[in-house]
């Protein structure tokens, strides 16, 4: 239900499948990540104490993004830092992925609705470098 995709000692992504249901709070990311990903499951009547978040200076060097698939089927293609295709995964409704490092591309297999969360503000052209991917005809699907 949780898959960590690593390459050359770096985490490229963490996938949390829709079926994950552990009680309490489960963090999937190390504290070194600039984007934290957790799952929370609490029983009826649980109180979460009201709180404010204090201003804390943080340095973000690379954008990390989280996608929540609401509907459809999405193929995610993973690339290393040298733009070499590694492998692909399919995401379905309810799945969540944190894209932490490396490159990635997407192919919509069935019309998709998804929510994206990432650090901002968007830096325009300085935010990412696009490149030609492997192409669907050369990709062997992994599940």
N, C-alpha and C. Protein backbone atom coordinates (compact mmCIF):
# COMPACT_ATOMS: atom_id res chain seq x y z
N UNK A 1 0.81 -1.21 0.00
CA UNK A 1 0.00 0.00 0.00
C UNK A 1 0.85 1.26 0.00
N UNK A 2 2.12 1.14 0.41
CA UNK A 2 3.06 2.24 0.35
C UNK A 2 4.23 1.77 -0.51
N UNK A 3 4.59 2.56 -1.51
CA UNK A 3 5.73 2.21 -2.33
C UNK A 3 6.67 3.41 -2.40
N UNK A 4 7.90 3.18 -2.03
CA UNK A 4 8.93 4.20 -2.16
C UNK A 4 9.76 3.84 -3.38
N UNK A 5 9.89 4.78 -4.29
CA UNK A 5 10.64 4.56 -5.52
C UNK A 5 11.98 5.28 -5.38
N UNK A 6 13.05 4.49 -5.31
CA UNK A 6 14.40 5.01 -5.12
C UNK A 6 15.25 4.74 -6.35
N UNK A 7 16.24 5.60 -6.55
CA UNK A 7 17.23 5.40 -7.61
C UNK A 7 18.53 6.06 -7.18
N UNK A 8 19.62 5.31 -7.23
CA UNK A 8 20.94 5.81 -6.84
C UNK A 8 20.94 6.47 -5.47
N UNK A 9 20.24 5.86 -4.51
CA UNK A 9 20.23 6.35 -3.14
C UNK A 9 19.34 7.56 -2.89
N UNK A 10 18.54 7.97 -3.88
CA UNK A 10 17.64 9.11 -3.72
C UNK A 10 16.20 8.65 -3.89
N UNK A 11 15.32 9.21 -3.09
CA UNK A 11 13.90 8.92 -3.24
C UNK A 11 13.33 9.77 -4.36
N UNK A 12 12.80 9.10 -5.39
CA UNK A 12 12.15 9.81 -6.49
C UNK A 12 10.70 10.12 -6.14
N UNK A 13 10.04 9.15 -5.49
CA UNK A 13 8.61 9.31 -5.21
C UNK A 13 8.17 8.38 -4.10
N UNK A 14 7.06 8.75 -3.48
CA UNK A 14 6.38 7.90 -2.50
C UNK A 14 4.93 7.82 -2.96
N UNK A 15 4.44 6.59 -3.13
CA UNK A 15 3.06 6.38 -3.54
C UNK A 15 2.30 5.79 -2.36
N UNK A 16 1.18 6.42 -2.03
CA UNK A 16 0.28 5.91 -0.99
C UNK A 16 -0.99 5.49 -1.71
N UNK A 17 -1.25 4.20 -1.73
CA UNK A 17 -2.43 3.67 -2.43
C UNK A 17 -3.69 3.97 -1.64
N UNK A 18 -4.80 4.05 -2.36
CA UNK A 18 -6.10 4.40 -1.79
C UNK A 18 -6.49 3.46 -0.64
N UNK A 19 -5.99 2.25 -0.64
CA UNK A 19 -6.38 1.25 0.37
C UNK A 19 -5.69 1.45 1.72
N UNK A 20 -4.70 2.33 1.82
CA UNK A 20 -3.98 2.52 3.08
C UNK A 20 -4.94 3.04 4.15
N UNK A 21 -4.97 2.41 5.33
CA UNK A 21 -5.94 2.77 6.37
C UNK A 21 -5.40 2.65 7.81
N UNK A 22 -4.14 2.88 8.04
CA UNK A 22 -3.60 2.74 9.40
C UNK A 22 -4.20 3.78 10.35
N UNK A 23 -4.46 3.40 11.60
CA UNK A 23 -4.98 4.37 12.57
C UNK A 23 -3.89 5.34 13.04
N UNK A 24 -4.32 6.51 13.50
CA UNK A 24 -3.39 7.51 14.02
C UNK A 24 -2.79 8.33 12.89
N UNK A 25 -1.56 8.79 13.10
CA UNK A 25 -0.87 9.62 12.12
C UNK A 25 0.37 8.87 11.63
N UNK A 26 0.47 8.71 10.33
CA UNK A 26 1.61 8.04 9.72
C UNK A 26 2.29 9.00 8.77
N UNK A 27 3.54 9.37 9.07
CA UNK A 27 4.33 10.20 8.16
C UNK A 27 5.11 9.29 7.23
N UNK A 28 5.13 9.62 5.95
CA UNK A 28 5.82 8.82 4.94
C UNK A 28 7.15 9.43 4.54
N UNK A 29 7.35 10.70 4.87
CA UNK A 29 8.54 11.42 4.43
C UNK A 29 9.52 11.61 5.57
N UNK A 30 10.81 11.65 5.24
CA UNK A 30 11.81 11.99 6.27
C UNK A 30 11.73 13.49 6.56
N UNK A 31 12.25 13.89 7.69
CA UNK A 31 12.19 15.30 8.08
C UNK A 31 13.04 16.18 7.18
N UNK A 32 13.93 15.59 6.39
CA UNK A 32 14.78 16.38 5.48
C UNK A 32 14.02 16.86 4.24
N UNK A 33 12.85 16.29 3.96
CA UNK A 33 12.09 16.72 2.78
C UNK A 33 11.45 18.08 3.03
N UNK A 34 11.40 18.91 2.00
CA UNK A 34 10.76 20.22 2.14
C UNK A 34 9.24 20.11 2.06
N UNK A 35 8.74 18.98 1.63
CA UNK A 35 7.30 18.72 1.59
C UNK A 35 7.05 17.49 2.45
N UNK A 36 6.17 17.59 3.40
CA UNK A 36 5.88 16.47 4.28
C UNK A 36 4.57 15.82 3.85
N UNK A 37 4.52 14.50 3.91
CA UNK A 37 3.32 13.75 3.51
C UNK A 37 2.95 12.80 4.64
N UNK A 38 1.71 12.89 5.07
CA UNK A 38 1.22 12.03 6.16
C UNK A 38 -0.20 11.59 5.87
N UNK A 39 -0.59 10.50 6.48
CA UNK A 39 -1.97 10.02 6.45
C UNK A 39 -2.48 10.08 7.88
N UNK A 40 -3.73 10.52 8.05
CA UNK A 40 -4.33 10.59 9.38
C UNK A 40 -5.66 9.87 9.39
N UNK A 41 -5.83 9.04 10.40
CA UNK A 41 -7.09 8.35 10.60
C UNK A 41 -7.41 8.41 12.09
N UNK A 42 -8.52 9.05 12.42
CA UNK A 42 -8.92 9.22 13.81
C UNK A 42 -10.35 8.74 14.01
N UNK A 43 -10.66 8.24 15.18
CA UNK A 43 -12.03 7.77 15.46
C UNK A 43 -12.98 8.94 15.71
N UNK A 44 -14.25 8.68 15.57
CA UNK A 44 -15.28 9.66 15.88
C UNK A 44 -15.07 10.19 17.29
N UNK A 45 -15.17 11.48 17.48
CA UNK A 45 -15.02 12.09 18.80
C UNK A 45 -13.61 12.57 19.09
N UNK A 46 -12.63 12.18 18.32
CA UNK A 46 -11.25 12.63 18.52
C UNK A 46 -11.20 14.15 18.37
N UNK A 47 -10.50 14.81 19.26
CA UNK A 47 -10.32 16.26 19.19
C UNK A 47 -8.89 16.56 18.80
N UNK A 48 -8.74 17.42 17.83
CA UNK A 48 -7.42 17.92 17.46
C UNK A 48 -7.37 19.35 17.98
N UNK A 49 -6.45 19.59 18.90
CA UNK A 49 -6.36 20.87 19.58
C UNK A 49 -6.20 22.02 18.58
N UNK A 50 -7.00 23.07 18.72
CA UNK A 50 -6.83 24.24 17.84
C UNK A 50 -5.41 24.76 17.94
N UNK A 51 -4.88 25.22 16.82
CA UNK A 51 -3.50 25.69 16.83
C UNK A 51 -3.25 26.66 15.67
N UNK A 52 -2.16 27.40 15.79
CA UNK A 52 -1.64 28.27 14.73
C UNK A 52 -0.27 27.74 14.34
N UNK A 53 0.12 28.00 13.12
CA UNK A 53 1.47 27.63 12.70
C UNK A 53 2.35 28.88 12.79
N UNK A 54 3.46 28.75 13.49
CA UNK A 54 4.38 29.86 13.68
C UNK A 54 5.22 30.09 12.43
N UNK A 55 5.61 31.34 12.20
CA UNK A 55 6.51 31.59 11.06
C UNK A 55 7.87 30.95 11.35
N UNK A 56 8.31 30.11 10.44
CA UNK A 56 9.61 29.45 10.55
C UNK A 56 10.28 29.57 9.19
N UNK A 57 11.47 30.15 9.15
CA UNK A 57 12.19 30.28 7.88
C UNK A 57 12.64 28.90 7.42
N UNK A 58 12.32 28.57 6.16
CA UNK A 58 12.74 27.30 5.57
C UNK A 58 13.35 27.60 4.22
N UNK A 59 14.35 26.81 3.84
CA UNK A 59 14.96 26.96 2.53
C UNK A 59 14.50 25.81 1.65
N UNK A 60 13.97 26.13 0.49
CA UNK A 60 13.52 25.12 -0.47
C UNK A 60 14.35 25.26 -1.73
N UNK A 61 15.11 24.22 -2.07
CA UNK A 61 15.95 24.25 -3.26
C UNK A 61 15.27 23.60 -4.45
N UNK A 62 14.48 22.57 -4.23
CA UNK A 62 13.80 21.84 -5.29
C UNK A 62 12.32 21.74 -4.98
N UNK A 63 11.50 21.91 -6.01
CA UNK A 63 10.07 21.77 -5.84
C UNK A 63 9.73 20.30 -5.67
N UNK A 64 8.95 19.99 -4.65
CA UNK A 64 8.37 18.67 -4.47
C UNK A 64 6.87 18.84 -4.58
N UNK A 65 6.22 17.92 -5.29
CA UNK A 65 4.79 18.07 -5.49
C UNK A 65 4.04 16.82 -5.07
N UNK A 66 2.82 17.04 -4.62
CA UNK A 66 1.93 15.95 -4.23
C UNK A 66 0.73 15.97 -5.15
N UNK A 67 0.37 14.81 -5.68
CA UNK A 67 -0.82 14.67 -6.51
C UNK A 67 -1.79 13.72 -5.83
N UNK A 68 -3.04 14.13 -5.74
CA UNK A 68 -4.12 13.27 -5.23
C UNK A 68 -5.02 12.98 -6.43
N UNK A 69 -5.12 11.72 -6.80
CA UNK A 69 -5.94 11.33 -7.93
C UNK A 69 -7.38 11.16 -7.45
N UNK A 70 -8.26 12.01 -7.93
CA UNK A 70 -9.67 11.94 -7.54
C UNK A 70 -10.46 10.99 -8.43
N UNK A 71 -10.08 10.96 -9.71
CA UNK A 71 -10.81 10.13 -10.66
C UNK A 71 -9.90 9.85 -11.85
N UNK A 72 -10.05 8.68 -12.45
CA UNK A 72 -9.33 8.36 -13.68
C UNK A 72 -8.13 7.46 -13.46
N UNK A 73 -7.29 7.40 -14.48
CA UNK A 73 -6.10 6.55 -14.47
C UNK A 73 -4.95 7.34 -15.09
N UNK A 74 -3.86 7.45 -14.34
CA UNK A 74 -2.72 8.26 -14.75
C UNK A 74 -1.46 7.42 -14.71
N UNK A 75 -0.68 7.44 -15.80
CA UNK A 75 0.62 6.79 -15.79
C UNK A 75 1.67 7.84 -15.45
N UNK A 76 2.53 7.51 -14.49
CA UNK A 76 3.65 8.38 -14.12
C UNK A 76 4.93 7.72 -14.61
N UNK A 77 5.70 8.45 -15.40
CA UNK A 77 6.98 7.96 -15.92
C UNK A 77 8.09 8.61 -15.11
N UNK A 78 9.02 7.82 -14.62
CA UNK A 78 10.11 8.30 -13.78
C UNK A 78 11.43 8.34 -14.55
N UNK A 79 12.19 9.43 -14.33
CA UNK A 79 13.48 9.64 -14.96
C UNK A 79 14.51 9.98 -13.88
N UNK A 80 15.76 9.63 -14.14
CA UNK A 80 16.81 10.02 -13.19
C UNK A 80 17.21 11.48 -13.48
N UNK A 81 18.16 11.99 -12.72
CA UNK A 81 18.60 13.37 -12.90
C UNK A 81 19.25 13.63 -14.24
N UNK A 82 19.67 12.57 -14.92
CA UNK A 82 20.27 12.69 -16.25
C UNK A 82 19.25 12.53 -17.37
N UNK A 83 17.96 12.53 -17.01
CA UNK A 83 16.84 12.46 -17.97
C UNK A 83 16.70 11.09 -18.63
N UNK A 84 17.24 10.05 -17.99
CA UNK A 84 17.11 8.69 -18.49
C UNK A 84 15.86 8.05 -17.90
N UNK A 85 15.02 7.47 -18.77
CA UNK A 85 13.80 6.81 -18.32
C UNK A 85 14.14 5.62 -17.43
N UNK A 86 13.41 5.49 -16.32
CA UNK A 86 13.62 4.39 -15.38
C UNK A 86 12.47 3.38 -15.42
N UNK A 87 11.27 3.81 -15.12
CA UNK A 87 10.09 2.95 -15.12
C UNK A 87 8.84 3.78 -14.94
N UNK A 88 7.69 3.11 -14.91
CA UNK A 88 6.40 3.80 -14.80
C UNK A 88 5.54 3.13 -13.74
N UNK A 89 4.56 3.89 -13.24
CA UNK A 89 3.56 3.36 -12.31
C UNK A 89 2.21 3.92 -12.72
N UNK A 90 1.16 3.16 -12.42
CA UNK A 90 -0.20 3.61 -12.66
C UNK A 90 -0.81 4.10 -11.36
N UNK A 91 -1.50 5.23 -11.42
CA UNK A 91 -2.21 5.77 -10.26
C UNK A 91 -3.69 5.79 -10.58
N UNK A 92 -4.49 5.37 -9.57
CA UNK A 92 -5.95 5.32 -9.71
C UNK A 92 -6.60 6.23 -8.68
N UNK A 93 -7.91 6.37 -8.79
CA UNK A 93 -8.67 7.21 -7.87
C UNK A 93 -8.33 6.86 -6.42
N UNK A 94 -8.02 7.88 -5.64
CA UNK A 94 -7.70 7.71 -4.23
C UNK A 94 -6.22 7.58 -3.95
N UNK A 95 -5.41 7.30 -4.97
CA UNK A 95 -3.96 7.20 -4.78
C UNK A 95 -3.36 8.60 -4.61
N UNK A 96 -2.27 8.66 -3.86
CA UNK A 96 -1.53 9.90 -3.64
C UNK A 96 -0.07 9.63 -3.95
N UNK A 97 0.58 10.58 -4.60
CA UNK A 97 2.01 10.44 -4.88
C UNK A 97 2.72 11.72 -4.48
N UNK A 98 3.87 11.57 -3.84
CA UNK A 98 4.78 12.68 -3.58
C UNK A 98 5.93 12.51 -4.56
N UNK A 99 6.12 13.48 -5.42
CA UNK A 99 7.24 13.48 -6.36
C UNK A 99 8.36 14.28 -5.72
N UNK A 100 9.42 13.58 -5.30
CA UNK A 100 10.44 14.17 -4.46
C UNK A 100 11.68 14.62 -5.20
N UNK A 101 12.12 13.86 -6.21
CA UNK A 101 13.34 14.22 -6.94
C UNK A 101 13.34 13.52 -8.29
N UNK A 102 14.36 13.80 -9.08
CA UNK A 102 14.42 13.22 -10.42
C UNK A 102 13.42 13.88 -11.34
N UNK A 103 13.24 13.29 -12.50
CA UNK A 103 12.28 13.81 -13.46
C UNK A 103 11.04 12.95 -13.51
N UNK A 104 9.98 13.51 -14.06
CA UNK A 104 8.73 12.76 -14.20
C UNK A 104 7.91 13.33 -15.34
N UNK A 105 7.12 12.46 -15.93
CA UNK A 105 6.18 12.84 -16.96
C UNK A 105 4.90 12.06 -16.74
N UNK A 106 3.85 12.43 -17.44
CA UNK A 106 2.54 11.81 -17.20
C UNK A 106 1.86 11.48 -18.52
N UNK A 107 1.09 10.41 -18.51
CA UNK A 107 0.22 10.07 -19.63
C UNK A 107 -1.15 9.76 -19.03
N UNK A 108 -2.17 10.49 -19.48
CA UNK A 108 -3.53 10.26 -18.99
C UNK A 108 -4.09 9.06 -19.76
N UNK A 109 -4.37 7.99 -19.03
CA UNK A 109 -4.89 6.75 -19.61
C UNK A 109 -6.42 6.80 -19.69
N UNK A 110 -7.03 7.27 -18.61
CA UNK A 110 -8.47 7.55 -18.55
C UNK A 110 -8.61 8.96 -18.00
N UNK A 111 -9.56 9.73 -18.53
CA UNK A 111 -9.73 11.12 -18.09
C UNK A 111 -9.50 11.22 -16.58
N UNK A 112 -8.67 12.17 -16.20
CA UNK A 112 -8.24 12.25 -14.81
C UNK A 112 -8.63 13.58 -14.19
N UNK A 113 -8.99 13.51 -12.92
CA UNK A 113 -9.14 14.68 -12.07
C UNK A 113 -8.16 14.49 -10.93
N UNK A 114 -7.34 15.50 -10.68
CA UNK A 114 -6.35 15.38 -9.60
C UNK A 114 -6.14 16.73 -8.95
N UNK A 115 -5.68 16.67 -7.73
CA UNK A 115 -5.34 17.86 -6.97
C UNK A 115 -3.82 17.86 -6.83
N UNK A 116 -3.19 19.02 -7.09
CA UNK A 116 -1.75 19.16 -6.95
C UNK A 116 -1.45 20.13 -5.81
N UNK A 117 -0.48 19.76 -4.99
CA UNK A 117 0.00 20.63 -3.91
C UNK A 117 1.52 20.68 -4.02
N UNK A 118 2.07 21.90 -4.09
CA UNK A 118 3.52 22.04 -4.12
C UNK A 118 3.91 23.39 -3.54
N UNK A 119 5.21 23.58 -3.30
CA UNK A 119 5.68 24.84 -2.77
C UNK A 119 5.47 25.93 -3.81
N UNK A 120 5.25 27.11 -3.32
CA UNK A 120 5.06 28.24 -4.21
C UNK A 120 5.87 29.41 -3.71
N UNK A 121 5.78 30.51 -4.40
CA UNK A 121 5.00 30.70 -5.62
C UNK A 121 5.71 30.08 -6.81
N UNK A 122 4.94 29.82 -7.89
CA UNK A 122 5.47 29.26 -9.12
C UNK A 122 6.49 30.23 -9.69
N UNK A 123 7.66 29.73 -10.06
CA UNK A 123 8.77 30.58 -10.53
C UNK A 123 8.84 30.68 -12.05
N UNK A 124 7.76 30.35 -12.74
CA UNK A 124 7.73 30.45 -14.19
C UNK A 124 8.74 29.53 -14.84
N UNK A 125 9.43 30.04 -15.89
CA UNK A 125 10.39 29.24 -16.64
C UNK A 125 11.57 28.75 -15.82
N UNK A 126 11.88 29.42 -14.72
CA UNK A 126 13.00 29.00 -13.86
C UNK A 126 12.63 27.80 -13.00
N UNK A 127 11.34 27.47 -12.95
CA UNK A 127 10.86 26.43 -12.04
C UNK A 127 11.16 25.01 -12.53
N UNK A 128 11.21 24.80 -13.85
CA UNK A 128 11.44 23.45 -14.34
C UNK A 128 12.09 23.47 -15.71
N UNK A 129 12.71 22.33 -16.06
CA UNK A 129 13.34 22.14 -17.36
C UNK A 129 12.65 20.98 -18.05
N UNK A 130 12.00 21.25 -19.17
CA UNK A 130 11.30 20.20 -19.92
C UNK A 130 12.28 19.48 -20.85
N UNK A 131 11.98 18.21 -21.15
CA UNK A 131 12.82 17.42 -22.05
C UNK A 131 11.96 16.37 -22.73
N UNK A 132 12.47 15.79 -23.82
CA UNK A 132 11.76 14.72 -24.51
C UNK A 132 11.87 13.45 -23.69
N UNK A 133 10.71 12.83 -23.43
CA UNK A 133 10.69 11.61 -22.62
C UNK A 133 10.91 10.36 -23.45
N UNK A 134 10.77 9.23 -22.81
CA UNK A 134 11.03 7.94 -23.44
C UNK A 134 10.01 7.61 -24.52
N UNK A 135 8.77 8.09 -24.39
CA UNK A 135 7.72 7.76 -25.34
C UNK A 135 7.01 6.49 -24.94
N UNK A 136 5.70 6.49 -24.97
CA UNK A 136 4.90 5.34 -24.52
C UNK A 136 5.25 4.03 -25.22
N UNK A 137 5.67 4.08 -26.51
CA UNK A 137 5.95 2.85 -27.24
C UNK A 137 7.17 2.13 -26.71
N UNK A 138 8.03 2.83 -25.97
CA UNK A 138 9.26 2.21 -25.45
C UNK A 138 9.16 1.87 -23.97
N UNK A 139 7.99 2.09 -23.38
CA UNK A 139 7.86 1.90 -21.94
C UNK A 139 7.17 0.59 -21.63
N UNK A 140 7.79 -0.20 -20.79
CA UNK A 140 7.18 -1.43 -20.28
C UNK A 140 6.53 -1.09 -18.96
N UNK A 141 5.23 -1.32 -18.86
CA UNK A 141 4.48 -0.95 -17.65
C UNK A 141 4.85 -1.86 -16.49
N UNK A 142 4.99 -1.27 -15.33
CA UNK A 142 5.18 -2.01 -14.08
C UNK A 142 4.01 -1.68 -13.18
N UNK A 143 3.56 -2.62 -12.40
CA UNK A 143 2.46 -2.37 -11.47
C UNK A 143 2.79 -2.89 -10.11
